[in-house]
Amino acid sequence: MPQRSLEVGSAEIQAARTIGILRAEQGFSQWQLAGRVTAPGHPMSNTMLSRIERAQRRCDADGLVVIAEALLVPPPMLLQRPTAT
């Protein structure tokens, strides 16, 4: 089986930016959002979240879904360019 690439793709970079913007708009620290993600059973430290937001760590589909739920947005929203509010 071929080894999975560790390179972060353009969709993940977009999601990383959107996660950071939505988190800040909602007034959550990385620590608080990591806690909201961890609560339903998807362990995530603030360091992991920081690396995801900086596109230095890959985030699988399950991770994106639980982050979206913690931010109270539909998961596809994380893959869209944020609009000015």
N, C-alpha and C. Protein backbone atom coordinates (compact mmCIF):
# COMPACT_ATOMS: atom_id res chain seq x y z
N MET A 1 0.85 -1.17 0.00
CA MET A 1 0.00 0.00 0.00
C MET A 1 0.90 1.24 0.00
N PRO A 2 0.62 2.22 -0.88
CA PRO A 2 1.46 3.42 -0.92
C PRO A 2 1.25 4.25 0.34
N GLN A 3 2.33 4.89 0.75
CA GLN A 3 2.26 5.73 1.94
C GLN A 3 1.48 7.00 1.61
N ARG A 4 0.65 7.45 2.54
CA ARG A 4 -0.15 8.66 2.36
C ARG A 4 0.73 9.89 2.43
N SER A 5 0.51 10.82 1.52
CA SER A 5 1.27 12.06 1.50
C SER A 5 0.95 12.89 2.75
N LEU A 6 1.96 13.50 3.29
CA LEU A 6 1.76 14.36 4.46
C LEU A 6 1.57 15.81 4.04
N GLU A 7 1.66 16.07 2.74
CA GLU A 7 1.51 17.44 2.24
C GLU A 7 0.06 17.89 2.41
N VAL A 8 -0.11 19.11 2.84
CA VAL A 8 -1.44 19.69 3.04
C VAL A 8 -1.89 20.27 1.70
N GLY A 9 -3.08 19.87 1.27
CA GLY A 9 -3.60 20.32 -0.02
C GLY A 9 -4.34 21.65 0.06
N SER A 10 -4.73 22.16 -1.10
CA SER A 10 -5.37 23.47 -1.17
C SER A 10 -6.70 23.51 -0.42
N ALA A 11 -7.48 22.42 -0.45
CA ALA A 11 -8.74 22.41 0.30
C ALA A 11 -8.48 22.47 1.80
N GLU A 12 -7.42 21.78 2.25
CA GLU A 12 -7.08 21.82 3.68
C GLU A 12 -6.58 23.20 4.09
N ILE A 13 -5.86 23.86 3.20
CA ILE A 13 -5.40 25.23 3.49
C ILE A 13 -6.59 26.15 3.62
N GLN A 14 -7.57 26.01 2.72
CA GLN A 14 -8.79 26.83 2.81
C GLN A 14 -9.54 26.55 4.10
N ALA A 15 -9.68 25.28 4.45
CA ALA A 15 -10.36 24.93 5.70
C ALA A 15 -9.62 25.50 6.89
N ALA A 16 -8.30 25.45 6.87
CA ALA A 16 -7.51 25.99 7.98
C ALA A 16 -7.78 27.47 8.18
N ARG A 17 -7.79 28.22 7.08
CA ARG A 17 -8.08 29.67 7.17
C ARG A 17 -9.48 29.91 7.71
N THR A 18 -10.44 29.17 7.18
CA THR A 18 -11.82 29.35 7.59
C THR A 18 -12.03 29.00 9.05
N ILE A 19 -11.42 27.93 9.51
CA ILE A 19 -11.52 27.54 10.92
C ILE A 19 -11.01 28.67 11.81
N GLY A 20 -9.85 29.22 11.48
CA GLY A 20 -9.29 30.30 12.27
C GLY A 20 -10.18 31.53 12.29
N ILE A 21 -10.73 31.88 11.13
CA ILE A 21 -11.61 33.06 11.04
C ILE A 21 -12.88 32.84 11.84
N LEU A 22 -13.53 31.70 11.65
CA LEU A 22 -14.78 31.43 12.37
C LEU A 22 -14.54 31.35 13.88
N ARG A 23 -13.44 30.74 14.27
CA ARG A 23 -13.13 30.63 15.70
C ARG A 23 -12.99 32.01 16.31
N ALA A 24 -12.24 32.88 15.64
CA ALA A 24 -12.04 34.24 16.15
C ALA A 24 -13.34 35.03 16.15
N GLU A 25 -14.13 34.92 15.08
CA GLU A 25 -15.41 35.63 15.01
C GLU A 25 -16.35 35.22 16.14
N GLN A 26 -16.28 33.94 16.54
CA GLN A 26 -17.15 33.45 17.60
C GLN A 26 -16.55 33.68 18.99
N GLY A 27 -15.35 34.22 19.04
CA GLY A 27 -14.73 34.57 20.32
C GLY A 27 -14.13 33.40 21.08
N PHE A 28 -13.83 32.31 20.39
CA PHE A 28 -13.21 31.16 21.05
C PHE A 28 -11.69 31.24 20.95
N SER A 29 -11.02 30.90 22.03
CA SER A 29 -9.57 30.69 21.95
C SER A 29 -9.36 29.31 21.33
N GLN A 30 -8.13 29.02 20.92
CA GLN A 30 -7.85 27.68 20.41
C GLN A 30 -8.09 26.65 21.51
N TRP A 31 -7.75 26.99 22.72
CA TRP A 31 -7.95 26.08 23.85
C TRP A 31 -9.43 25.76 24.02
N GLN A 32 -10.29 26.80 23.93
CA GLN A 32 -11.74 26.60 24.09
C GLN A 32 -12.31 25.74 22.97
N LEU A 33 -11.91 26.03 21.73
CA LEU A 33 -12.43 25.25 20.61
C LEU A 33 -11.94 23.81 20.69
N ALA A 34 -10.70 23.60 21.07
CA ALA A 34 -10.19 22.23 21.23
C ALA A 34 -11.02 21.49 22.28
N GLY A 35 -11.41 22.17 23.34
CA GLY A 35 -12.26 21.56 24.37
C GLY A 35 -13.64 21.20 23.83
N ARG A 36 -14.20 22.05 22.98
CA ARG A 36 -15.51 21.78 22.38
C ARG A 36 -15.44 20.61 21.41
N VAL A 37 -14.29 20.44 20.76
CA VAL A 37 -14.09 19.32 19.84
C VAL A 37 -13.88 18.03 20.62
N THR A 38 -13.17 18.13 21.72
CA THR A 38 -12.85 16.96 22.54
C THR A 38 -14.09 16.43 23.27
N ALA A 39 -14.96 17.32 23.70
CA ALA A 39 -16.12 16.93 24.52
C ALA A 39 -16.96 15.81 23.92
N PRO A 40 -17.27 15.84 22.61
CA PRO A 40 -18.08 14.74 22.06
C PRO A 40 -17.27 13.48 21.73
N GLY A 41 -16.00 13.46 22.11
CA GLY A 41 -15.24 12.23 21.93
C GLY A 41 -14.20 12.23 20.83
N HIS A 42 -13.82 13.38 20.34
CA HIS A 42 -12.77 13.48 19.31
C HIS A 42 -11.60 14.25 19.93
N PRO A 43 -10.73 13.58 20.68
CA PRO A 43 -9.66 14.27 21.40
C PRO A 43 -8.82 15.17 20.49
N MET A 44 -8.66 16.43 20.92
CA MET A 44 -7.85 17.39 20.18
C MET A 44 -7.27 18.39 21.17
N SER A 45 -5.97 18.55 21.12
CA SER A 45 -5.33 19.54 21.99
C SER A 45 -5.31 20.89 21.28
N ASN A 46 -5.06 21.94 22.03
CA ASN A 46 -4.96 23.26 21.41
C ASN A 46 -3.75 23.31 20.47
N THR A 47 -2.71 22.53 20.75
CA THR A 47 -1.55 22.47 19.87
C THR A 47 -1.94 21.85 18.53
N MET A 48 -2.72 20.78 18.56
CA MET A 48 -3.19 20.15 17.32
C MET A 48 -4.03 21.14 16.52
N LEU A 49 -4.93 21.83 17.19
CA LEU A 49 -5.78 22.80 16.51
C LEU A 49 -4.94 23.93 15.92
N SER A 50 -3.96 24.39 16.65
CA SER A 50 -3.08 25.45 16.15
C SER A 50 -2.38 25.00 14.87
N ARG A 51 -1.89 23.78 14.87
CA ARG A 51 -1.19 23.25 13.69
C ARG A 51 -2.16 23.07 12.52
N ILE A 52 -3.40 22.70 12.80
CA ILE A 52 -4.40 22.59 11.74
C ILE A 52 -4.67 23.98 11.15
N GLU A 53 -4.87 24.98 12.01
CA GLU A 53 -5.15 26.35 11.55
C GLU A 53 -3.99 26.93 10.75
N ARG A 54 -2.78 26.54 11.05
CA ARG A 54 -1.60 27.03 10.31
C ARG A 54 -1.27 26.14 9.12
N ALA A 55 -2.13 25.17 8.83
CA ALA A 55 -1.95 24.22 7.73
C ALA A 55 -0.62 23.48 7.85
N GLN A 56 -0.26 23.15 9.08
CA GLN A 56 0.94 22.37 9.33
C GLN A 56 0.59 20.95 9.75
N ARG A 57 -0.70 20.68 9.84
CA ARG A 57 -1.17 19.35 10.21
C ARG A 57 -2.41 19.04 9.38
N ARG A 58 -2.45 17.83 8.86
CA ARG A 58 -3.62 17.40 8.11
C ARG A 58 -4.79 17.16 9.06
N CYS A 59 -5.99 17.36 8.55
CA CYS A 59 -7.20 17.12 9.33
C CYS A 59 -8.10 16.22 8.48
N ASP A 60 -8.44 15.05 8.99
CA ASP A 60 -9.27 14.14 8.23
C ASP A 60 -10.73 14.61 8.22
N ALA A 61 -11.55 13.93 7.44
CA ALA A 61 -12.95 14.32 7.30
C ALA A 61 -13.69 14.31 8.64
N ASP A 62 -13.41 13.29 9.47
CA ASP A 62 -14.06 13.24 10.78
C ASP A 62 -13.69 14.46 11.62
N GLY A 63 -12.44 14.85 11.56
CA GLY A 63 -11.98 16.03 12.30
C GLY A 63 -12.66 17.29 11.82
N LEU A 64 -12.79 17.44 10.50
CA LEU A 64 -13.46 18.62 9.96
C LEU A 64 -14.93 18.67 10.38
N VAL A 65 -15.58 17.52 10.39
CA VAL A 65 -16.99 17.47 10.78
C VAL A 65 -17.15 17.89 12.24
N VAL A 66 -16.32 17.35 13.12
CA VAL A 66 -16.46 17.67 14.54
C VAL A 66 -16.07 19.13 14.83
N ILE A 67 -15.09 19.66 14.09
CA ILE A 67 -14.74 21.09 14.25
C ILE A 67 -15.92 21.95 13.79
N ALA A 68 -16.51 21.60 12.65
CA ALA A 68 -17.67 22.35 12.16
C ALA A 68 -18.81 22.32 13.18
N GLU A 69 -19.07 21.14 13.74
CA GLU A 69 -20.12 21.03 14.76
C GLU A 69 -19.81 21.91 15.97
N ALA A 70 -18.55 21.93 16.38
CA ALA A 70 -18.16 22.75 17.53
C ALA A 70 -18.32 24.24 17.22
N LEU A 71 -18.17 24.60 15.94
CA LEU A 71 -18.34 26.00 15.53
C LEU A 71 -19.78 26.31 15.12
N LEU A 72 -20.66 25.29 15.20
CA LEU A 72 -22.08 25.43 14.86
C LEU A 72 -22.29 25.88 13.42
N VAL A 73 -21.50 25.31 12.50
CA VAL A 73 -21.66 25.58 11.08
C VAL A 73 -21.72 24.25 10.34
N PRO A 74 -22.32 24.23 9.14
CA PRO A 74 -22.32 22.99 8.36
C PRO A 74 -20.89 22.69 7.88
N PRO A 75 -20.49 21.43 7.89
CA PRO A 75 -19.12 21.07 7.48
C PRO A 75 -18.67 21.65 6.13
N PRO A 76 -19.53 21.68 5.10
CA PRO A 76 -19.05 22.24 3.82
C PRO A 76 -18.60 23.70 3.93
N MET A 77 -19.11 24.40 4.93
CA MET A 77 -18.74 25.81 5.10
C MET A 77 -17.24 25.96 5.34
N LEU A 78 -16.61 24.95 5.94
CA LEU A 78 -15.18 25.04 6.22
C LEU A 78 -14.36 25.01 4.94
N LEU A 79 -14.93 24.52 3.86
CA LEU A 79 -14.21 24.43 2.59
C LEU A 79 -14.46 25.61 1.67
N GLN A 80 -15.31 26.53 2.11
CA GLN A 80 -15.62 27.71 1.31
C GLN A 80 -14.80 28.91 1.77
N ARG A 81 -14.61 29.82 0.86
CA ARG A 81 -13.92 31.06 1.23
C ARG A 81 -14.84 31.85 2.16
N PRO A 82 -14.30 32.34 3.27
CA PRO A 82 -15.14 33.11 4.20
C PRO A 82 -15.58 34.42 3.54
N THR A 83 -16.79 34.83 3.87
CA THR A 83 -17.31 36.11 3.37
C THR A 83 -17.21 37.13 4.48
N ALA A 84 -17.08 38.38 4.10
CA ALA A 84 -16.99 39.46 5.09
C ALA A 84 -18.32 39.56 5.83
N THR A 85 -18.23 39.72 7.16
CA THR A 85 -19.45 39.83 7.96
C THR A 85 -19.63 41.24 8.46
